[in-house]
Amino acid sequence: MTTTEETIDLTQAAMQLADLKQQKNKIDQHIAALTEVILRHTQDGRYEAGDLTLTVTAGNRTIDPVKFMGQFPVEQYPEYYELKPKALSKVEKLEGSARIAGCVRQGARKVTIK
């Protein structure tokens, strides 16, 4: 099967996709295991690994919203907060889909196999 064909065999395509996803899952598990070993045996920094350079960095630091709101209530610390839109579904209920259509981003289509 090529991607330029006008018609496709959905059964064959679905089976190939399922097989590839299974292979990807195994590869992702292997990557996670190797990453864990590397993290367990190194500190942050750069390491020469043959022709490769391995870089280990600290994870991103972010605020835990629940803990932050408990320690710094918005009423007392309004300067620590910024206003942002509510969830799309909530705004659609208030305004209707047509009214906010120009403000909505649409993600890429996807295919799932179960």
PDB file of N, CA and C in Angstrom:
ATOM      1  N   MET A   1       0.845  -1.185   0.000  1.00  0.00           N
ATOM      2  CA  MET A   1       0.000   0.000   0.000  1.00  0.00           C
ATOM      3  C   MET A   1       0.879   1.233   0.000  1.00  0.00           C
ATOM      4  N   THR A   2       0.604   2.162  -0.883  1.00  0.00           N
ATOM      5  CA  THR A   2       1.329   3.423  -0.911  1.00  0.00           C
ATOM      6  C   THR A   2       0.387   4.539  -0.514  1.00  0.00           C
ATOM      7  N   THR A   3       0.972   5.666  -0.113  1.00  0.00           N
ATOM      8  CA  THR A   3       0.148   6.784   0.334  1.00  0.00           C
ATOM      9  C   THR A   3      -0.477   7.539  -0.826  1.00  0.00           C
ATOM     10  N   THR A   4      -0.092   7.224  -2.072  1.00  0.00           N
ATOM     11  CA  THR A   4      -0.636   7.942  -3.220  1.00  0.00           C
ATOM     12  C   THR A   4      -1.826   7.229  -3.849  1.00  0.00           C
ATOM     13  N   GLU A   5      -2.199   6.058  -3.349  1.00  0.00           N
ATOM     14  CA  GLU A   5      -3.334   5.325  -3.903  1.00  0.00           C
ATOM     15  C   GLU A   5      -4.635   6.077  -3.641  1.00  0.00           C
ATOM     16  N   GLU A   6      -5.568   5.960  -4.600  1.00  0.00           N
ATOM     17  CA  GLU A   6      -6.869   6.586  -4.448  1.00  0.00           C
ATOM     18  C   GLU A   6      -7.739   5.833  -3.441  1.00  0.00           C
ATOM     19  N   THR A   7      -7.637   4.491  -3.431  1.00  0.00           N
ATOM     20  CA  THR A   7      -8.407   3.688  -2.496  1.00  0.00           C
ATOM     21  C   THR A   7      -7.432   2.942  -1.595  1.00  0.00           C
ATOM     22  N   ILE A   8      -7.885   2.620  -0.403  1.00  0.00           N
ATOM     23  CA  ILE A   8      -7.038   1.882   0.528  1.00  0.00           C
ATOM     24  C   ILE A   8      -7.826   0.737   1.132  1.00  0.00           C
ATOM     25  N   ASP A   9      -7.115  -0.255   1.571  1.00  0.00           N
ATOM     26  CA  ASP A   9      -7.713  -1.374   2.285  1.00  0.00           C
ATOM     27  C   ASP A   9      -7.684  -0.991   3.762  1.00  0.00           C
ATOM     28  N   LEU A  10      -8.822  -0.582   4.302  1.00  0.00           N
ATOM     29  CA  LEU A  10      -8.865  -0.109   5.690  1.00  0.00           C
ATOM     30  C   LEU A  10      -8.456  -1.187   6.681  1.00  0.00           C
ATOM     31  N   THR A  11      -8.802  -2.433   6.407  1.00  0.00           N
ATOM     32  CA  THR A  11      -8.431  -3.521   7.313  1.00  0.00           C
ATOM     33  C   THR A  11      -6.917  -3.647   7.369  1.00  0.00           C
ATOM     34  N   GLN A  12      -6.291  -3.667   6.211  1.00  0.00           N
ATOM     35  CA  GLN A  12      -4.837  -3.780   6.164  1.00  0.00           C
ATOM     36  C   GLN A  12      -4.176  -2.567   6.813  1.00  0.00           C
ATOM     37  N   ALA A  13      -4.677  -1.391   6.509  1.00  0.00           N
ATOM     38  CA  ALA A  13      -4.107  -0.173   7.077  1.00  0.00           C
ATOM     39  C   ALA A  13      -4.247  -0.161   8.598  1.00  0.00           C
ATOM     40  N   ALA A  14      -5.408  -0.576   9.092  1.00  0.00           N
ATOM     41  CA  ALA A  14      -5.641  -0.606  10.533  1.00  0.00           C
ATOM     42  C   ALA A  14      -4.732  -1.624  11.213  1.00  0.00           C
ATOM     43  N   MET A  15      -4.546  -2.784  10.581  1.00  0.00           N
ATOM     44  CA  MET A  15      -3.682  -3.816  11.157  1.00  0.00           C
ATOM     45  C   MET A  15      -2.227  -3.341  11.192  1.00  0.00           C
ATOM     46  N   GLN A  16      -1.772  -2.701  10.114  1.00  0.00           N
ATOM     47  CA  GLN A  16      -0.408  -2.177  10.091  1.00  0.00           C
ATOM     48  C   GLN A  16      -0.226  -1.093  11.143  1.00  0.00           C
ATOM     49  N   LEU A  17      -1.218  -0.220  11.266  1.00  0.00           N
ATOM     50  CA  LEU A  17      -1.148   0.851  12.256  1.00  0.00           C
ATOM     51  C   LEU A  17      -1.103   0.282  13.667  1.00  0.00           C
ATOM     52  N   ALA A  18      -1.936  -0.714  13.949  1.00  0.00           N
ATOM     53  CA  ALA A  18      -1.944  -1.351  15.268  1.00  0.00           C
ATOM     54  C   ALA A  18      -0.592  -1.998  15.556  1.00  0.00           C
ATOM     55  N   ASP A  19      -0.016  -2.688  14.551  1.00  0.00           N
ATOM     56  CA  ASP A  19       1.288  -3.332  14.722  1.00  0.00           C
ATOM     57  C   ASP A  19       2.377  -2.290  14.986  1.00  0.00           C
ATOM     58  N   LEU A  20       2.382  -1.217  14.232  1.00  0.00           N
ATOM     59  CA  LEU A  20       3.379  -0.164  14.426  1.00  0.00           C
ATOM     60  C   LEU A  20       3.244   0.497  15.790  1.00  0.00           C
ATOM     61  N   LYS A  21       2.009   0.703  16.223  1.00  0.00           N
ATOM     62  CA  LYS A  21       1.801   1.302  17.546  1.00  0.00           C
ATOM     63  C   LYS A  21       2.296   0.371  18.649  1.00  0.00           C
ATOM     64  N   GLN A  22       2.113  -0.932  18.456  1.00  0.00           N
ATOM     65  CA  GLN A  22       2.611  -1.899  19.422  1.00  0.00           C
ATOM     66  C   GLN A  22       4.143  -1.854  19.464  1.00  0.00           C
ATOM     67  N   GLN A  23       4.766  -1.811  18.287  1.00  0.00           N
ATOM     68  CA  GLN A  23       6.222  -1.701  18.224  1.00  0.00           C
ATOM     69  C   GLN A  23       6.691  -0.409  18.879  1.00  0.00           C
ATOM     70  N   LYS A  24       5.982   0.685  18.613  1.00  0.00           N
ATOM     71  CA  LYS A  24       6.331   1.985  19.192  1.00  0.00           C
ATOM     72  C   LYS A  24       6.234   1.930  20.710  1.00  0.00           C
ATOM     73  N   ASN A  25       5.202   1.257  21.223  1.00  0.00           N
ATOM     74  CA  ASN A  25       5.030   1.131  22.660  1.00  0.00           C
ATOM     75  C   ASN A  25       6.227   0.409  23.287  1.00  0.00           C
ATOM     76  N   LYS A  26       6.670  -0.679  22.647  1.00  0.00           N
ATOM     77  CA  LYS A  26       7.835  -1.417  23.142  1.00  0.00           C
ATOM     78  C   LYS A  26       9.083  -0.541  23.103  1.00  0.00           C
ATOM     79  N   ILE A  27       9.248   0.198  22.021  1.00  0.00           N
ATOM     80  CA  ILE A  27      10.401   1.098  21.898  1.00  0.00           C
ATOM     81  C   ILE A  27      10.336   2.192  22.962  1.00  0.00           C
ATOM     82  N   ASP A  28       9.144   2.776  23.168  1.00  0.00           N
ATOM     83  CA  ASP A  28       8.985   3.815  24.190  1.00  0.00           C
ATOM     84  C   ASP A  28       9.323   3.275  25.582  1.00  0.00           C
ATOM     85  N   GLN A  29       8.925   2.030  25.871  1.00  0.00           N
ATOM     86  CA  GLN A  29       9.258   1.416  27.163  1.00  0.00           C
ATOM     87  C   GLN A  29      10.769   1.229  27.299  1.00  0.00           C
ATOM     88  N   HIS A  30      11.420   0.820  26.228  1.00  0.00           N
ATOM     89  CA  HIS A  30      12.869   0.634  26.236  1.00  0.00           C
ATOM     90  C   HIS A  30      13.568   1.983  26.448  1.00  0.00           C
ATOM     91  N   ILE A  31      13.088   3.013  25.755  1.00  0.00           N
ATOM     92  CA  ILE A  31      13.646   4.362  25.919  1.00  0.00           C
ATOM     93  C   ILE A  31      13.490   4.824  27.366  1.00  0.00           C
ATOM     94  N   ALA A  32      12.322   4.613  27.948  1.00  0.00           N
ATOM     95  CA  ALA A  32      12.078   5.022  29.332  1.00  0.00           C
ATOM     96  C   ALA A  32      13.011   4.285  30.290  1.00  0.00           C
ATOM     97  N   ALA A  33      13.226   2.995  30.066  1.00  0.00           N
ATOM     98  CA  ALA A  33      14.107   2.210  30.933  1.00  0.00           C
ATOM     99  C   ALA A  33      15.552   2.699  30.823  1.00  0.00           C
ATOM    100  N   LEU A  34      16.016   2.938  29.599  1.00  0.00           N
ATOM    101  CA  LEU A  34      17.379   3.439  29.415  1.00  0.00           C
ATOM    102  C   LEU A  34      17.545   4.831  30.022  1.00  0.00           C
ATOM    103  N   THR A  35      16.549   5.665  29.858  1.00  0.00           N
ATOM    104  CA  THR A  35      16.588   7.004  30.436  1.00  0.00           C
ATOM    105  C   THR A  35      16.685   6.921  31.954  1.00  0.00           C
ATOM    106  N   GLU A  36      15.900   6.034  32.559  1.00  0.00           N
ATOM    107  CA  GLU A  36      15.923   5.864  34.016  1.00  0.00           C
ATOM    108  C   GLU A  36      17.306   5.418  34.491  1.00  0.00           C
ATOM    109  N   VAL A  37      17.923   4.496  33.769  1.00  0.00           N
ATOM    110  CA  VAL A  37      19.273   4.038  34.137  1.00  0.00           C
ATOM    111  C   VAL A  37      20.266   5.195  34.067  1.00  0.00           C
ATOM    112  N   ILE A  38      20.197   5.964  32.996  1.00  0.00           N
ATOM    113  CA  ILE A  38      21.101   7.104  32.840  1.00  0.00           C
ATOM    114  C   ILE A  38      20.889   8.105  33.965  1.00  0.00           C
ATOM    115  N   LEU A  39      19.647   8.446  34.272  1.00  0.00           N
ATOM    116  CA  LEU A  39      19.361   9.417  35.330  1.00  0.00           C
ATOM    117  C   LEU A  39      19.817   8.924  36.699  1.00  0.00           C
ATOM    118  N   ARG A  40      19.702   7.624  36.921  1.00  0.00           N
ATOM    119  CA  ARG A  40      20.095   7.042  38.199  1.00  0.00           C
ATOM    120  C   ARG A  40      21.613   7.089  38.399  1.00  0.00           C
ATOM    121  N   HIS A  41      22.366   7.086  37.302  1.00  0.00           N
ATOM    122  CA  HIS A  41      23.818   6.986  37.398  1.00  0.00           C
ATOM    123  C   HIS A  41      24.574   8.254  37.013  1.00  0.00           C
ATOM    124  N   THR A  42      23.874   9.353  36.793  1.00  0.00           N
ATOM    125  CA  THR A  42      24.545  10.592  36.416  1.00  0.00           C
ATOM    126  C   THR A  42      23.982  11.778  37.180  1.00  0.00           C
ATOM    127  N   GLN A  43      24.761  12.843  37.207  1.00  0.00           N
ATOM    128  CA  GLN A  43      24.314  14.139  37.714  1.00  0.00           C
ATOM    129  C   GLN A  43      24.002  15.004  36.490  1.00  0.00           C
ATOM    130  N   ASP A  44      23.422  16.173  36.706  1.00  0.00           N
ATOM    131  CA  ASP A  44      23.185  17.090  35.594  1.00  0.00           C
ATOM    132  C   ASP A  44      24.532  17.463  34.976  1.00  0.00           C
ATOM    133  N   GLY A  45      24.577  17.520  33.668  1.00  0.00           N
ATOM    134  CA  GLY A  45      25.806  17.898  32.979  1.00  0.00           C
ATOM    135  C   GLY A  45      25.889  17.275  31.602  1.00  0.00           C
ATOM    136  N   ARG A  46      27.068  17.446  30.977  1.00  0.00           N
ATOM    137  CA  ARG A  46      27.320  16.895  29.639  1.00  0.00           C
ATOM    138  C   ARG A  46      28.320  15.767  29.757  1.00  0.00           C
ATOM    139  N   TYR A  47      28.058  14.722  28.986  1.00  0.00           N
ATOM    140  CA  TYR A  47      28.922  13.539  29.016  1.00  0.00           C
ATOM    141  C   TYR A  47      29.237  13.133  27.581  1.00  0.00           C
ATOM    142  N   GLU A  48      30.495  12.801  27.330  1.00  0.00           N
ATOM    143  CA  GLU A  48      30.883  12.260  26.031  1.00  0.00           C
ATOM    144  C   GLU A  48      30.529  10.781  26.031  1.00  0.00           C
ATOM    145  N   ALA A  49      29.850  10.342  25.001  1.00  0.00           N
ATOM    146  CA  ALA A  49      29.440   8.945  24.877  1.00  0.00           C
ATOM    147  C   ALA A  49      29.762   8.498  23.459  1.00  0.00           C
ATOM    148  N   GLY A  50      31.021   8.163  23.240  1.00  0.00           N
ATOM    149  CA  GLY A  50      31.455   7.831  21.879  1.00  0.00           C
ATOM    150  C   GLY A  50      31.377   9.072  21.022  1.00  0.00           C
ATOM    151  N   ASP A  51      30.715   8.977  19.884  1.00  0.00           N
ATOM    152  CA  ASP A  51      30.553  10.121  18.989  1.00  0.00           C
ATOM    153  C   ASP A  51      29.398  11.034  19.420  1.00  0.00           C
ATOM    154  N   LEU A  52      28.713  10.666  20.481  1.00  0.00           N
ATOM    155  CA  LEU A  52      27.542  11.417  20.938  1.00  0.00           C
ATOM    156  C   LEU A  52      27.876  12.230  22.182  1.00  0.00           C
ATOM    157  N   THR A  53      27.097  13.251  22.419  1.00  0.00           N
ATOM    158  CA  THR A  53      27.175  14.014  23.662  1.00  0.00           C
ATOM    159  C   THR A  53      25.859  13.832  24.387  1.00  0.00           C
ATOM    160  N   LEU A  54      25.921  13.288  25.580  1.00  0.00           N
ATOM    161  CA  LEU A  54      24.742  13.051  26.407  1.00  0.00           C
ATOM    162  C   LEU A  54      24.597  14.233  27.358  1.00  0.00           C
ATOM    163  N   THR A  55      23.451  14.858  27.368  1.00  0.00           N
ATOM    164  CA  THR A  55      23.196  15.990  28.260  1.00  0.00           C
ATOM    165  C   THR A  55      22.081  15.628  29.220  1.00  0.00           C
ATOM    166  N   VAL A  56      22.348  15.799  30.506  1.00  0.00           N
ATOM    167  CA  VAL A  56      21.344  15.543  31.540  1.00  0.00           C
ATOM    168  C   VAL A  56      21.024  16.892  32.183  1.00  0.00           C
ATOM    169  N   THR A  57      19.755  17.257  32.175  1.00  0.00           N
ATOM    170  CA  THR A  57      19.349  18.546  32.730  1.00  0.00           C
ATOM    171  C   THR A  57      18.250  18.364  33.764  1.00  0.00           C
ATOM    172  N   ALA A  58      18.152  19.322  34.650  1.00  0.00           N
ATOM    173  CA  ALA A  58      17.095  19.317  35.666  1.00  0.00           C
ATOM    174  C   ALA A  58      15.744  19.519  34.987  1.00  0.00           C
ATOM    175  N   GLY A  59      14.697  19.006  35.571  1.00  0.00           N
ATOM    176  CA  GLY A  59      13.358  19.179  35.025  1.00  0.00           C
ATOM    177  C   GLY A  59      12.878  20.612  35.153  1.00  0.00           C
ATOM    178  N   ASN A  60      11.877  20.961  34.366  1.00  0.00           N
ATOM    179  CA  ASN A  60      11.292  22.296  34.427  1.00  0.00           C
ATOM    180  C   ASN A  60      10.620  22.515  35.778  1.00  0.00           C
ATOM    181  N   ARG A  61      10.756  23.713  36.276  1.00  0.00           N
ATOM    182  CA  ARG A  61      10.094  24.076  37.523  1.00  0.00           C
ATOM    183  C   ARG A  61       8.796  24.797  37.187  1.00  0.00           C
ATOM    184  N   THR A  62       7.702  24.353  37.777  1.00  0.00           N
ATOM    185  CA  THR A  62       6.405  24.995  37.576  1.00  0.00           C
ATOM    186  C   THR A  62       5.709  25.139  38.923  1.00  0.00           C
ATOM    187  N   ILE A  63       4.710  25.961  38.948  1.00  0.00           N
ATOM    188  CA  ILE A  63       3.933  26.176  40.182  1.00  0.00           C
ATOM    189  C   ILE A  63       2.839  25.127  40.281  1.00  0.00           C
ATOM    190  N   ASP A  64       2.697  24.541  41.463  1.00  0.00           N
ATOM    191  CA  ASP A  64       1.570  23.650  41.755  1.00  0.00           C
ATOM    192  C   ASP A  64       0.393  24.571  42.087  1.00  0.00           C
ATOM    193  N   PRO A  65      -0.603  24.663  41.194  1.00  0.00           N
ATOM    194  CA  PRO A  65      -1.679  25.637  41.387  1.00  0.00           C
ATOM    195  C   PRO A  65      -2.430  25.488  42.711  1.00  0.00           C
ATOM    196  N   VAL A  66      -2.705  24.276  43.142  1.00  0.00           N
ATOM    197  CA  VAL A  66      -3.482  24.063  44.364  1.00  0.00           C
ATOM    198  C   VAL A  66      -2.691  24.541  45.580  1.00  0.00           C
ATOM    199  N   LYS A  67      -1.427  24.128  45.671  1.00  0.00           N
ATOM    200  CA  LYS A  67      -0.593  24.553  46.800  1.00  0.00           C
ATOM    201  C   LYS A  67      -0.358  26.058  46.772  1.00  0.00           C
ATOM    202  N   PHE A  68      -0.140  26.596  45.580  1.00  0.00           N
ATOM    203  CA  PHE A  68       0.117  28.025  45.444  1.00  0.00           C
ATOM    204  C   PHE A  68      -1.088  28.841  45.907  1.00  0.00           C
ATOM    205  N   MET A  69      -2.287  28.419  45.467  1.00  0.00           N
ATOM    206  CA  MET A  69      -3.493  29.139  45.848  1.00  0.00           C
ATOM    207  C   MET A  69      -3.745  29.048  47.350  1.00  0.00           C
ATOM    208  N   GLY A  70      -3.337  27.927  47.962  1.00  0.00           N
ATOM    209  CA  GLY A  70      -3.472  27.788  49.412  1.00  0.00           C
ATOM    210  C   GLY A  70      -2.537  28.716  50.165  1.00  0.00           C
ATOM    211  N   GLN A  71      -1.316  28.845  49.689  1.00  0.00           N
ATOM    212  CA  GLN A  71      -0.325  29.682  50.362  1.00  0.00           C
ATOM    213  C   GLN A  71      -0.466  31.159  50.001  1.00  0.00           C
ATOM    214  N   PHE A  72      -0.908  31.447  48.780  1.00  0.00           N
ATOM    215  CA  PHE A  72      -1.030  32.815  48.306  1.00  0.00           C
ATOM    216  C   PHE A  72      -2.427  33.045  47.739  1.00  0.00           C
ATOM    217  N   PRO A  73      -3.442  33.198  48.593  1.00  0.00           N
ATOM    218  CA  PRO A  73      -4.815  33.384  48.110  1.00  0.00           C
ATOM    219  C   PRO A  73      -4.921  34.601  47.192  1.00  0.00           C
ATOM    220  N   VAL A  74      -5.721  34.477  46.142  1.00  0.00           N
ATOM    221  CA  VAL A  74      -5.861  35.539  45.155  1.00  0.00           C
ATOM    222  C   VAL A  74      -6.363  36.840  45.789  1.00  0.00           C
ATOM    223  N   GLU A  75      -7.172  36.723  46.834  1.00  0.00           N
ATOM    224  CA  GLU A  75      -7.706  37.920  47.492  1.00  0.00           C
ATOM    225  C   GLU A  75      -6.593  38.749  48.118  1.00  0.00           C
ATOM    226  N   GLN A  76      -5.573  38.090  48.656  1.00  0.00           N
ATOM    227  CA  GLN A  76      -4.472  38.789  49.312  1.00  0.00           C
ATOM    228  C   GLN A  76      -3.330  39.115  48.356  1.00  0.00           C
ATOM    229  N   TYR A  77      -3.176  38.331  47.301  1.00  0.00           N
ATOM    230  CA  TYR A  77      -2.057  38.486  46.378  1.00  0.00           C
ATOM    231  C   TYR A  77      -2.527  38.552  44.929  1.00  0.00           C
ATOM    232  N   PRO A  78      -3.405  39.500  44.586  1.00  0.00           N
ATOM    233  CA  PRO A  78      -3.918  39.549  43.219  1.00  0.00           C
ATOM    234  C   PRO A  78      -2.821  39.786  42.181  1.00  0.00           C
ATOM    235  N   GLU A  79      -1.733  40.412  42.585  1.00  0.00           N
ATOM    236  CA  GLU A  79      -0.638  40.685  41.654  1.00  0.00           C
ATOM    237  C   GLU A  79       0.098  39.414  41.220  1.00  0.00           C
ATOM    238  N   TYR A  80      -0.131  38.298  41.906  1.00  0.00           N
ATOM    239  CA  TYR A  80       0.515  37.025  41.560  1.00  0.00           C
ATOM    240  C   TYR A  80      -0.287  36.224  40.531  1.00  0.00           C
ATOM    241  N   TYR A  81      -1.425  36.772  40.103  1.00  0.00           N
ATOM    242  CA  TYR A  81      -2.321  36.041  39.208  1.00  0.00           C
ATOM    243  C   TYR A  81      -2.538  36.828  37.925  1.00  0.00           C
ATOM    244  N   GLU A  82      -2.911  36.087  36.856  1.00  0.00           N
ATOM    245  CA  GLU A  82      -3.279  36.721  35.598  1.00  0.00           C
ATOM    246  C   GLU A  82      -4.609  36.148  35.133  1.00  0.00           C
ATOM    247  N   LEU A  83      -5.360  36.967  34.463  1.00  0.00           N
ATOM    248  CA  LEU A  83      -6.675  36.571  33.969  1.00  0.00           C
ATOM    249  C   LEU A  83      -6.511  35.765  32.683  1.00  0.00           C
ATOM    250  N   LYS A  84      -7.229  34.656  32.553  1.00  0.00           N
ATOM    251  CA  LYS A  84      -7.207  33.880  31.315  1.00  0.00           C
ATOM    252  C   LYS A  84      -8.617  33.368  31.035  1.00  0.00           C
ATOM    253  N   PRO A  85      -8.911  33.045  29.770  1.00  0.00           N
ATOM    254  CA  PRO A  85     -10.262  32.599  29.408  1.00  0.00           C
ATOM    255  C   PRO A  85     -10.642  31.286  30.095  1.00  0.00           C
ATOM    256  N   LYS A  86     -11.929  31.130  30.279  1.00  0.00           N
ATOM    257  CA  LYS A  86     -12.458  29.864  30.794  1.00  0.00           C
ATOM    258  C   LYS A  86     -12.322  28.789  29.728  1.00  0.00           C
ATOM    259  N   ALA A  87     -12.635  27.570  30.079  1.00  0.00           N
ATOM    260  CA  ALA A  87     -12.591  26.444  29.135  1.00  0.00           C
ATOM    261  C   ALA A  87     -13.574  26.699  27.994  1.00  0.00           C
ATOM    262  N   LEU A  88     -13.223  26.216  26.802  1.00  0.00           N
ATOM    263  CA  LEU A  88     -14.044  26.404  25.613  1.00  0.00           C
ATOM    264  C   LEU A  88     -15.489  25.969  25.834  1.00  0.00           C
ATOM    265  N   SER A  89     -15.687  24.811  26.435  1.00  0.00           N
ATOM    266  CA  SER A  89     -17.054  24.306  26.620  1.00  0.00           C
ATOM    267  C   SER A  89     -17.889  25.249  27.489  1.00  0.00           C
ATOM    268  N   LYS A  90     -17.269  25.865  28.466  1.00  0.00           N
ATOM    269  CA  LYS A  90     -18.003  26.793  29.346  1.00  0.00           C
ATOM    270  C   LYS A  90     -18.366  28.072  28.601  1.00  0.00           C
ATOM    271  N   VAL A  91     -17.433  28.598  27.808  1.00  0.00           N
ATOM    272  CA  VAL A  91     -17.697  29.822  27.066  1.00  0.00           C
ATOM    273  C   VAL A  91     -18.753  29.569  25.983  1.00  0.00           C
ATOM    274  N   GLU A  92     -18.698  28.389  25.340  1.00  0.00           N
ATOM    275  CA  GLU A  92     -19.709  28.055  24.326  1.00  0.00           C
ATOM    276  C   GLU A  92     -21.104  28.008  24.932  1.00  0.00           C
ATOM    277  N   LYS A  93     -21.218  27.523  26.155  1.00  0.00           N
ATOM    278  CA  LYS A  93     -22.525  27.484  26.815  1.00  0.00           C
ATOM    279  C   LYS A  93     -23.038  28.895  27.091  1.00  0.00           C
ATOM    280  N   LEU A  94     -22.113  29.810  27.385  1.00  0.00           N
ATOM    281  CA  LEU A  94     -22.499  31.186  27.695  1.00  0.00           C
ATOM    282  C   LEU A  94     -22.789  32.017  26.445  1.00  0.00           C
ATOM    283  N   GLU A  95     -21.989  31.842  25.390  1.00  0.00           N
ATOM    284  CA  GLU A  95     -22.066  32.701  24.207  1.00  0.00           C
ATOM    285  C   GLU A  95     -22.564  32.010  22.951  1.00  0.00           C
ATOM    286  N   GLY A  96     -22.438  30.694  22.891  1.00  0.00           N
ATOM    287  CA  GLY A  96     -22.784  29.972  21.673  1.00  0.00           C
ATOM    288  C   GLY A  96     -21.568  29.798  20.782  1.00  0.00           C
ATOM    289  N   SER A  97     -21.534  28.692  20.057  1.00  0.00           N
ATOM    290  CA  SER A  97     -20.389  28.345  19.210  1.00  0.00           C
ATOM    291  C   SER A  97     -20.133  29.378  18.118  1.00  0.00           C
ATOM    292  N   ALA A  98     -21.184  29.856  17.466  1.00  0.00           N
ATOM    293  CA  ALA A  98     -21.021  30.777  16.339  1.00  0.00           C
ATOM    294  C   ALA A  98     -20.360  32.083  16.781  1.00  0.00           C
ATOM    295  N   ARG A  99     -20.711  32.559  17.942  1.00  0.00           N
ATOM    296  CA  ARG A  99     -20.197  33.857  18.429  1.00  0.00           C
ATOM    297  C   ARG A  99     -18.705  33.816  18.718  1.00  0.00           C
ATOM    298  N   ILE A 100     -18.176  32.676  19.130  1.00  0.00           N
ATOM    299  CA  ILE A 100     -16.752  32.603  19.469  1.00  0.00           C
ATOM    300  C   ILE A 100     -15.930  31.840  18.435  1.00  0.00           C
ATOM    301  N   ALA A 101     -16.536  31.492  17.304  1.00  0.00           N
ATOM    302  CA  ALA A 101     -15.867  30.672  16.286  1.00  0.00           C
ATOM    303  C   ALA A 101     -14.525  31.252  15.853  1.00  0.00           C
ATOM    304  N   GLY A 102     -14.412  32.556  15.749  1.00  0.00           N
ATOM    305  CA  GLY A 102     -13.169  33.185  15.320  1.00  0.00           C
ATOM    306  C   GLY A 102     -12.050  33.111  16.342  1.00  0.00           C
ATOM    307  N   CYS A 103     -12.363  32.688  17.555  1.00  0.00           N
ATOM    308  CA  CYS A 103     -11.373  32.619  18.633  1.00  0.00           C
ATOM    309  C   CYS A 103     -10.958  31.190  18.962  1.00  0.00           C
ATOM    310  N   VAL A 104     -11.455  30.230  18.218  1.00  0.00           N
ATOM    311  CA  VAL A 104     -11.236  28.820  18.541  1.00  0.00           C
ATOM    312  C   VAL A 104     -10.153  28.221  17.653  1.00  0.00           C
ATOM    313  N   ARG A 105      -9.205  27.511  18.272  1.00  0.00           N
ATOM    314  CA  ARG A 105      -8.186  26.761  17.514  1.00  0.00           C
ATOM    315  C   ARG A 105      -8.654  25.327  17.396  1.00  0.00           C
ATOM    316  N   GLN A 106      -8.382  24.723  16.248  1.00  0.00           N
ATOM    317  CA  GLN A 106      -8.752  23.327  16.011  1.00  0.00           C
ATOM    318  C   GLN A 106      -7.483  22.510  15.904  1.00  0.00           C
ATOM    319  N   GLY A 107      -7.352  21.485  16.720  1.00  0.00           N
ATOM    320  CA  GLY A 107      -6.186  20.605  16.672  1.00  0.00           C
ATOM    321  C   GLY A 107      -6.213  19.721  15.440  1.00  0.00           C
ATOM    322  N   ALA A 108      -5.109  19.055  15.194  1.00  0.00           N
ATOM    323  CA  ALA A 108      -4.985  18.162  14.040  1.00  0.00           C
ATOM    324  C   ALA A 108      -5.888  16.948  14.193  1.00  0.00           C
ATOM    325  N   ARG A 109      -6.386  16.436  13.070  1.00  0.00           N
ATOM    326  CA  ARG A 109      -7.166  15.198  13.070  1.00  0.00           C
ATOM    327  C   ARG A 109      -6.245  14.060  13.477  1.00  0.00           C
ATOM    328  N   LYS A 110      -6.808  13.003  14.039  1.00  0.00           N
ATOM    329  CA  LYS A 110      -5.995  11.867  14.420  1.00  0.00           C
ATOM    330  C   LYS A 110      -6.746  10.571  14.194  1.00  0.00           C
ATOM    331  N   VAL A 111      -5.999   9.489  14.132  1.00  0.00           N
ATOM    332  CA  VAL A 111      -6.565   8.170  13.930  1.00  0.00           C
ATOM    333  C   VAL A 111      -6.224   7.341  15.170  1.00  0.00           C
ATOM    334  N   THR A 112      -7.194   6.637  15.703  1.00  0.00           N
ATOM    335  CA  THR A 112      -6.938   5.751  16.846  1.00  0.00           C
ATOM    336  C   THR A 112      -7.363   4.335  16.491  1.00  0.00           C
ATOM    337  N   ILE A 113      -6.648   3.396  17.032  1.00  0.00           N
ATOM    338  CA  ILE A 113      -6.949   1.972  16.827  1.00  0.00           C
ATOM    339  C   ILE A 113      -7.038   1.335  18.198  1.00  0.00           C
ATOM    340  N   LYS A 114      -8.102   0.566  18.425  1.00  0.00           N
ATOM    341  CA  LYS A 114      -8.235  -0.128  19.707  1.00  0.00           C
ATOM    342  C   LYS A 114      -8.368  -1.598  19.458  1.00  0.00           C
TER     343      LYS A 114
END
